[in-house]
Amino acid sequence: MSATGPRPWPCLACGYPRAGLGTESACPECGAPPPPLDTLALLGRSLPFSPWVPLVGSSLFLAFVVGIQIPRIVRSGWIPWDAPLLIMIALVVAVVVSARMLRRTRKRGGDVVWLVRPDAIEVRAAHGISTLQYGNLDRCESRVWPSRRLAKITIVPRNAWGFATSSIWLDRSTFDVERVANDLTQRILAARAP
């Protein structure tokens, strides 16, 4: 695979920066060997946002509901019977939604590594390791936003619904995202050839 970003990348086992080490040198921190030279390591995130995003969103929702109740209280001069009830319901909804999103972020978010090998893509994420064979894939999609630092690459399996896709968010200053996506597309198309 052609180079698509700065090499060498950090150690895949412990994250130690391998800058200055030879391509065949073991990690001085943990002793892990580097990936083979025919493997490209894509280090990114499986979700673009951090865990604090659900908390901020839920807080804004709660503040909105409370803000709606304040004019009612001021106009009437007393607290209507349903105002505390509505605020409590909004609080419960905010807590439940935040907890679910935080759990989803913890399970699916965070750092993820795609090892692009000649025969398959190995996905290493917080929730486990999976292998995607090129022959079982339908297509590769990329989305690049000029105003964003992160760009997204998505792998779509054959005969699968949207939730079965695998995505990685890459730093555009480190990886040429469109070049990586084109290379993955060529590998998928080559696996289909008779």
Protein backbone atom coordinates (compact mmCIF):
# COMPACT_ATOMS: atom_id res chain seq x y z
CA MET A 1 0.00 0.00 0.00
CA SER A 2 1.30 3.45 -0.80
CA ALA A 3 2.12 5.77 2.06
CA THR A 4 -0.85 7.85 3.08
CA GLY A 5 0.50 9.65 6.09
CA PRO A 6 3.55 10.10 8.29
CA ARG A 7 5.33 6.91 9.25
CA PRO A 8 6.19 5.29 11.55
CA TRP A 9 3.01 5.33 13.63
CA PRO A 10 2.79 4.81 17.42
CA CYS A 11 3.09 1.33 18.88
CA LEU A 12 -0.23 -0.46 18.43
CA ALA A 13 0.11 -2.27 21.76
CA CYS A 14 0.98 0.58 24.14
CA GLY A 15 0.85 3.80 22.08
CA TYR A 16 4.57 4.58 22.51
CA PRO A 17 5.72 7.05 19.81
CA ARG A 18 7.95 5.11 17.41
CA ALA A 19 9.49 8.19 15.80
CA GLY A 20 13.17 7.59 15.15
CA LEU A 21 12.88 3.79 15.34
CA GLY A 22 13.53 1.53 12.38
CA THR A 23 10.58 -0.05 10.58
CA GLU A 24 11.61 -3.46 11.93
CA SER A 25 12.50 -2.38 15.47
CA ALA A 26 10.46 -3.66 18.40
CA CYS A 27 8.79 -1.14 20.71
CA PRO A 28 11.30 -0.10 23.43
CA GLU A 29 8.45 0.34 25.92
CA CYS A 30 6.58 -3.00 25.66
CA GLY A 31 8.61 -5.04 23.16
CA ALA A 32 5.75 -5.42 20.66
CA PRO A 33 6.85 -5.90 17.04
CA PRO A 34 5.81 -3.33 14.41
CA PRO A 35 3.14 -4.20 11.86
CA PRO A 36 4.44 -5.81 8.64
CA LEU A 37 5.56 -3.37 5.94
CA ASP A 38 2.58 -4.34 3.74
CA THR A 39 0.17 -3.24 6.49
CA LEU A 40 -1.11 0.29 6.94
CA ALA A 41 -2.16 1.24 10.46
CA LEU A 42 -4.97 3.80 10.64
CA LEU A 43 -5.25 5.26 14.14
CA GLY A 44 -8.44 7.21 14.74
CA ARG A 45 -11.69 7.32 16.65
CA SER A 46 -14.81 5.23 16.21
CA LEU A 47 -17.03 8.19 17.23
CA PRO A 48 -16.28 11.83 16.51
CA PHE A 49 -17.38 13.24 19.85
CA SER A 50 -16.09 13.02 23.42
CA PRO A 51 -18.10 11.78 26.44
CA TRP A 52 -18.84 15.35 27.60
CA VAL A 53 -21.05 16.02 24.55
CA PRO A 54 -24.08 14.06 25.88
CA LEU A 55 -23.80 15.84 29.22
CA VAL A 56 -23.78 19.27 27.61
CA GLY A 57 -26.72 18.36 25.36
CA SER A 58 -28.79 17.05 28.24
CA SER A 59 -27.97 20.10 30.36
CA LEU A 60 -29.13 22.39 27.56
CA PHE A 61 -32.36 20.39 27.23
CA LEU A 62 -33.00 20.68 30.97
CA ALA A 63 -32.23 24.41 30.93
CA PHE A 64 -34.67 24.85 28.02
CA VAL A 65 -37.50 23.12 29.92
CA VAL A 66 -36.81 25.15 33.07
CA GLY A 67 -36.66 28.32 30.96
CA ILE A 68 -40.13 27.59 29.58
CA GLN A 69 -41.55 27.28 33.10
CA ILE A 70 -40.08 30.52 34.47
CA PRO A 71 -42.40 32.87 32.50
CA ARG A 72 -45.42 30.85 33.70
CA ILE A 73 -44.30 31.25 37.29
CA VAL A 74 -43.65 34.99 36.89
CA ARG A 75 -47.01 35.59 35.16
CA SER A 76 -49.08 33.70 37.71
CA GLY A 77 -47.20 34.90 40.79
CA TRP A 78 -47.14 31.37 42.17
CA ILE A 79 -45.79 28.00 41.13
CA PRO A 80 -48.32 26.04 39.03
CA TRP A 81 -48.83 22.48 40.19
CA ASP A 82 -47.44 20.97 37.00
CA ALA A 83 -44.23 23.08 36.78
CA PRO A 84 -42.20 20.98 39.27
CA LEU A 85 -43.57 17.82 37.65
CA LEU A 86 -42.45 18.91 34.17
CA ILE A 87 -39.03 19.90 35.48
CA MET A 88 -38.62 16.52 37.24
CA ILE A 89 -39.65 14.66 34.07
CA ALA A 90 -37.11 16.69 32.07
CA LEU A 91 -34.44 15.92 34.67
CA VAL A 92 -35.15 12.17 34.49
CA VAL A 93 -35.11 12.24 30.67
CA ALA A 94 -31.81 14.17 30.68
CA VAL A 95 -30.19 11.69 33.10
CA VAL A 96 -31.42 8.62 31.18
CA VAL A 97 -30.36 9.99 27.78
CA SER A 98 -26.95 11.04 29.13
CA ALA A 99 -26.37 7.63 30.71
CA ARG A 100 -27.32 5.80 27.50
CA MET A 101 -25.13 8.02 25.32
CA LEU A 102 -22.20 7.79 27.73
CA ARG A 103 -22.49 4.00 27.74
CA ARG A 104 -22.64 3.97 23.94
CA THR A 105 -19.64 6.32 23.75
CA ARG A 106 -17.68 4.19 26.21
CA LYS A 107 -18.55 1.00 24.34
CA ARG A 108 -18.13 2.17 20.76
CA GLY A 109 -16.18 5.39 21.08
CA GLY A 110 -12.62 6.16 21.87
CA ASP A 111 -9.54 5.10 20.01
CA VAL A 112 -9.78 2.56 17.24
CA VAL A 113 -7.14 1.02 14.98
CA TRP A 114 -7.66 -0.36 11.49
CA LEU A 115 -4.84 -2.60 10.31
CA VAL A 116 -5.22 -2.62 6.54
CA ARG A 117 -3.60 -5.88 5.45
CA PRO A 118 -3.32 -7.31 1.92
CA ASP A 119 -6.16 -9.81 2.55
CA ALA A 120 -8.41 -8.12 5.15
CA ILE A 121 -8.94 -5.21 7.54
CA GLU A 122 -8.47 -5.94 11.23
CA VAL A 123 -10.49 -3.55 13.40
CA ARG A 124 -9.27 -3.12 16.98
CA ALA A 125 -11.68 -1.15 19.15
CA ALA A 126 -12.71 -0.91 22.80
CA HIS A 127 -15.47 -3.48 22.30
CA GLY A 128 -13.23 -6.11 20.66
CA ILE A 129 -11.35 -7.14 17.56
CA SER A 130 -13.02 -8.03 14.27
CA THR A 131 -11.75 -8.92 10.81
CA LEU A 132 -13.35 -7.66 7.60
CA GLN A 133 -12.51 -9.74 4.53
CA TYR A 134 -12.45 -7.68 1.33
CA GLY A 135 -14.62 -10.23 -0.47
CA ASN A 136 -17.43 -9.69 2.07
CA LEU A 137 -17.48 -5.92 1.63
CA ASP A 138 -19.76 -3.92 -0.65
CA ARG A 139 -18.05 -0.53 -0.75
CA CYS A 140 -15.97 2.09 1.01
CA GLU A 141 -17.26 5.62 1.56
CA SER A 142 -15.41 8.72 2.71
CA ARG A 143 -16.70 12.07 3.94
CA VAL A 144 -14.43 15.06 4.22
CA TRP A 145 -15.63 18.40 5.57
CA PRO A 146 -13.32 21.32 4.67
CA SER A 147 -14.06 23.05 7.99
CA ARG A 148 -13.40 19.97 10.15
CA ARG A 149 -10.14 18.46 11.30
CA LEU A 150 -11.58 14.93 11.30
CA ALA A 151 -12.81 13.01 8.26
CA LYS A 152 -14.79 9.77 8.16
CA ILE A 153 -14.21 6.49 6.31
CA THR A 154 -16.99 3.90 6.38
CA ILE A 155 -16.83 0.28 5.26
CA VAL A 156 -20.19 -1.23 4.20
CA PRO A 157 -20.54 -5.04 4.22
CA ARG A 158 -22.54 -6.81 1.53
CA ASN A 159 -26.27 -7.33 2.17
CA ALA A 160 -26.10 -5.43 5.46
CA TRP A 161 -28.21 -2.74 7.08
CA GLY A 162 -26.74 0.61 8.07
CA PHE A 163 -25.94 -0.43 11.65
CA ALA A 164 -23.57 -3.15 10.40
CA THR A 165 -21.10 -0.64 8.96
CA SER A 166 -17.68 0.10 10.45
CA SER A 167 -16.42 3.67 10.57
CA ILE A 168 -13.23 5.40 11.58
CA TRP A 169 -12.65 9.14 12.06
CA LEU A 170 -9.15 10.15 11.00
CA ASP A 171 -7.16 13.30 11.58
CA ARG A 172 -6.75 14.96 8.18
CA SER A 173 -3.36 16.37 9.15
CA THR A 174 -2.05 12.82 9.61
CA PHE A 175 -3.79 10.84 6.86
CA ASP A 176 -4.74 11.56 3.26
CA VAL A 177 -8.28 10.31 3.82
CA GLU A 178 -9.40 10.32 0.19
CA ARG A 179 -6.30 8.41 -0.87
CA VAL A 180 -6.87 5.82 1.86
CA ALA A 181 -10.53 5.45 0.81
CA ASN A 182 -9.56 5.04 -2.86
CA ASP A 183 -7.03 2.36 -1.95
CA LEU A 184 -9.62 0.48 0.13
CA THR A 185 -12.12 0.73 -2.74
CA GLN A 186 -9.56 -0.77 -5.14
CA ARG A 187 -8.95 -3.66 -2.74
CA ILE A 188 -12.68 -4.34 -2.43
CA LEU A 189 -13.17 -4.26 -6.20
CA ALA A 190 -10.14 -6.51 -6.74
CA ALA A 191 -11.58 -9.08 -4.31
CA ARG A 192 -14.74 -9.26 -6.44
CA ALA A 193 -12.87 -9.97 -9.65
CA PRO A 194 -13.16 -13.61 -10.81
